[in-house]
C-alpha atoms as a PDB file:
ATOM      1  CA  GLY A   1     -31.313   5.980  39.444  1.00  0.00           C
ATOM      2  CA  GLY A   2     -33.592   3.080  38.643  1.00  0.00           C
ATOM      3  CA  GLY A   3     -35.551   1.612  35.786  1.00  0.00           C
ATOM      4  CA  CYS A   4     -34.276  -0.901  33.281  1.00  0.00           C
ATOM      5  CA  SER A   5     -32.094   1.665  31.440  1.00  0.00           C
ATOM      6  CA  GLY A   6     -30.331   3.218  34.448  1.00  0.00           C
ATOM      7  CA  PHE A   7     -32.379   6.324  35.305  1.00  0.00           C
ATOM      8  CA  GLN A   8     -36.111   6.729  35.645  1.00  0.00           C
ATOM      9  CA  TYR A   9     -38.468   9.683  35.516  1.00  0.00           C
ATOM     10  CA  GLY A  10     -40.723  10.439  38.461  1.00  0.00           C
ATOM     11  CA  LEU A  11     -43.480  13.042  38.593  1.00  0.00           C
ATOM     12  CA  MET A  12     -45.319  13.871  41.805  1.00  0.00           C
ATOM     13  CA  ILE A  13     -47.734  16.562  42.889  1.00  0.00           C
ATOM     14  CA  GLU A  14     -46.046  18.819  45.441  1.00  0.00           C
ATOM     15  CA  ALA A  15     -47.256  21.795  47.483  1.00  0.00           C
ATOM     16  CA  GLY A  16     -44.072  23.717  46.721  1.00  0.00           C
ATOM     17  CA  PRO A  17     -40.375  23.395  45.961  1.00  0.00           C
ATOM     18  CA  ASN A  18     -37.624  22.416  48.367  1.00  0.00           C
ATOM     19  CA  ASP A  19     -35.045  25.113  49.117  1.00  0.00           C
ATOM     20  CA  THR A  20     -32.552  23.654  46.609  1.00  0.00           C
ATOM     21  CA  ASP A  21     -34.995  22.890  43.754  1.00  0.00           C
ATOM     22  CA  LYS A  22     -34.827  24.711  40.419  1.00  0.00           C
ATOM     23  CA  VAL A  23     -38.308  25.973  39.471  1.00  0.00           C
ATOM     24  CA  PHE A  24     -39.592  26.124  35.891  1.00  0.00           C
ATOM     25  CA  GLU A  25     -42.997  27.547  34.930  1.00  0.00           C
ATOM     26  CA  SER A  26     -44.975  27.429  31.692  1.00  0.00           C
ATOM     27  CA  ASN A  27     -48.663  28.180  31.138  1.00  0.00           C
ATOM     28  CA  GLY A  28     -49.220  28.403  34.891  1.00  0.00           C
ATOM     29  CA  VAL A  29     -47.707  24.969  35.592  1.00  0.00           C
ATOM     30  CA  LYS A  30     -44.627  24.814  37.818  1.00  0.00           C
ATOM     31  CA  ILE A  31     -42.089  22.003  37.705  1.00  0.00           C
ATOM     32  CA  PHE A  32     -39.571  21.552  40.520  1.00  0.00           C
ATOM     33  CA  VAL A  33     -36.301  19.756  39.727  1.00  0.00           C
ATOM     34  CA  ASP A  34     -33.861  18.674  42.429  1.00  0.00           C
ATOM     35  CA  PRO A  35     -30.166  19.629  42.063  1.00  0.00           C
ATOM     36  CA  VAL A  36     -28.991  16.044  41.416  1.00  0.00           C
ATOM     37  CA  SER A  37     -31.435  15.529  38.514  1.00  0.00           C
ATOM     38  CA  ILE A  38     -30.988  18.911  36.830  1.00  0.00           C
ATOM     39  CA  SER A  39     -27.863  17.938  34.849  1.00  0.00           C
ATOM     40  CA  TYR A  40     -29.648  14.901  33.367  1.00  0.00           C
ATOM     41  CA  LEU A  41     -32.639  17.003  32.303  1.00  0.00           C
ATOM     42  CA  LYS A  42     -30.920  20.027  30.719  1.00  0.00           C
ATOM     43  CA  GLY A  43     -32.883  20.945  27.593  1.00  0.00           C
ATOM     44  CA  ALA A  44     -35.678  18.443  28.337  1.00  0.00           C
ATOM     45  CA  GLU A  45     -39.301  19.248  27.507  1.00  0.00           C
ATOM     46  CA  VAL A  46     -42.366  18.015  29.399  1.00  0.00           C
ATOM     47  CA  GLU A  47     -45.646  17.780  27.506  1.00  0.00           C
ATOM     48  CA  TYR A  48     -49.107  16.559  28.448  1.00  0.00           C
ATOM     49  CA  THR A  49     -50.942  14.637  25.746  1.00  0.00           C
ATOM     50  CA  GLU A  50     -54.365  13.048  25.503  1.00  0.00           C
ATOM     51  CA  SER A  51     -55.550  10.292  23.198  1.00  0.00           C
ATOM     52  CA  ASN A  52     -58.439   7.848  22.991  1.00  0.00           C
ATOM     53  CA  SER A  53     -56.590   5.505  25.345  1.00  0.00           C
ATOM     54  CA  GLY A  54     -55.943   8.180  27.995  1.00  0.00           C
ATOM     55  CA  GLY A  55     -53.573  11.003  28.780  1.00  0.00           C
ATOM     56  CA  GLY A  56     -50.220  11.499  30.368  1.00  0.00           C
ATOM     57  CA  PHE A  57     -46.937  13.329  30.478  1.00  0.00           C
ATOM     58  CA  ILE A  58     -44.213  12.804  27.889  1.00  0.00           C
ATOM     59  CA  ILE A  59     -40.631  13.825  28.617  1.00  0.00           C
ATOM     60  CA  LYS A  60     -38.475  14.635  25.589  1.00  0.00           C
ATOM     61  CA  ASN A  61     -34.916  14.457  26.904  1.00  0.00           C
ATOM     62  CA  PRO A  62     -32.054  15.326  24.514  1.00  0.00           C
ATOM     63  CA  ASN A  63     -29.562  13.850  27.020  1.00  0.00           C
ATOM     64  CA  ALA A  64     -31.012  10.334  26.813  1.00  0.00           C
ATOM     65  CA  THR A  65     -28.936   8.150  24.513  1.00  0.00           C
ATOM     66  CA  SER A  66     -31.262   5.166  24.942  1.00  0.00           C
ATOM     67  CA  THR A  67     -34.602   4.397  26.556  1.00  0.00           C
ATOM     68  CA  CYS A  68     -36.402   1.267  27.641  1.00  0.00           C
ATOM     69  CA  GLY A  69     -39.437  -0.116  25.819  1.00  0.00           C
ATOM     70  CA  CYS A  70     -41.928   1.513  28.175  1.00  0.00           C
ATOM     71  CA  GLY A  71     -40.285   4.942  27.909  1.00  0.00           C
ATOM     72  CA  GLN A  72     -40.124   5.396  31.675  1.00  0.00           C
ATOM     73  CA  SER A  73     -36.357   5.067  32.035  1.00  0.00           C
ATOM     74  CA  PHE A  74     -33.290   6.198  30.105  1.00  0.00           C
ATOM     75  CA  SER A  75     -29.509   6.046  29.888  1.00  0.00           C
ATOM     76  CA  THR A  76     -26.967   8.786  29.157  1.00  0.00           C
ATOM     77  CA  GLU A  77     -24.104   6.464  28.184  1.00  0.00           C
END
């Protein structure tokens, strides 16, 4: 929970997954998702993009019915 729309995304660098995490890997990058968050992220895609103003991760979440202006939080209702 959190953010102005109800849920917020959080990415952190971790040494490895917790025992209950679901692990996804693509192009040598592993993403660990905790069991509470997994249902909100089903079908989501994580991309890294770069532009003249910098780079960052973009999460395309088909479960989000609305997002806030900054794109860092979402709602599923």
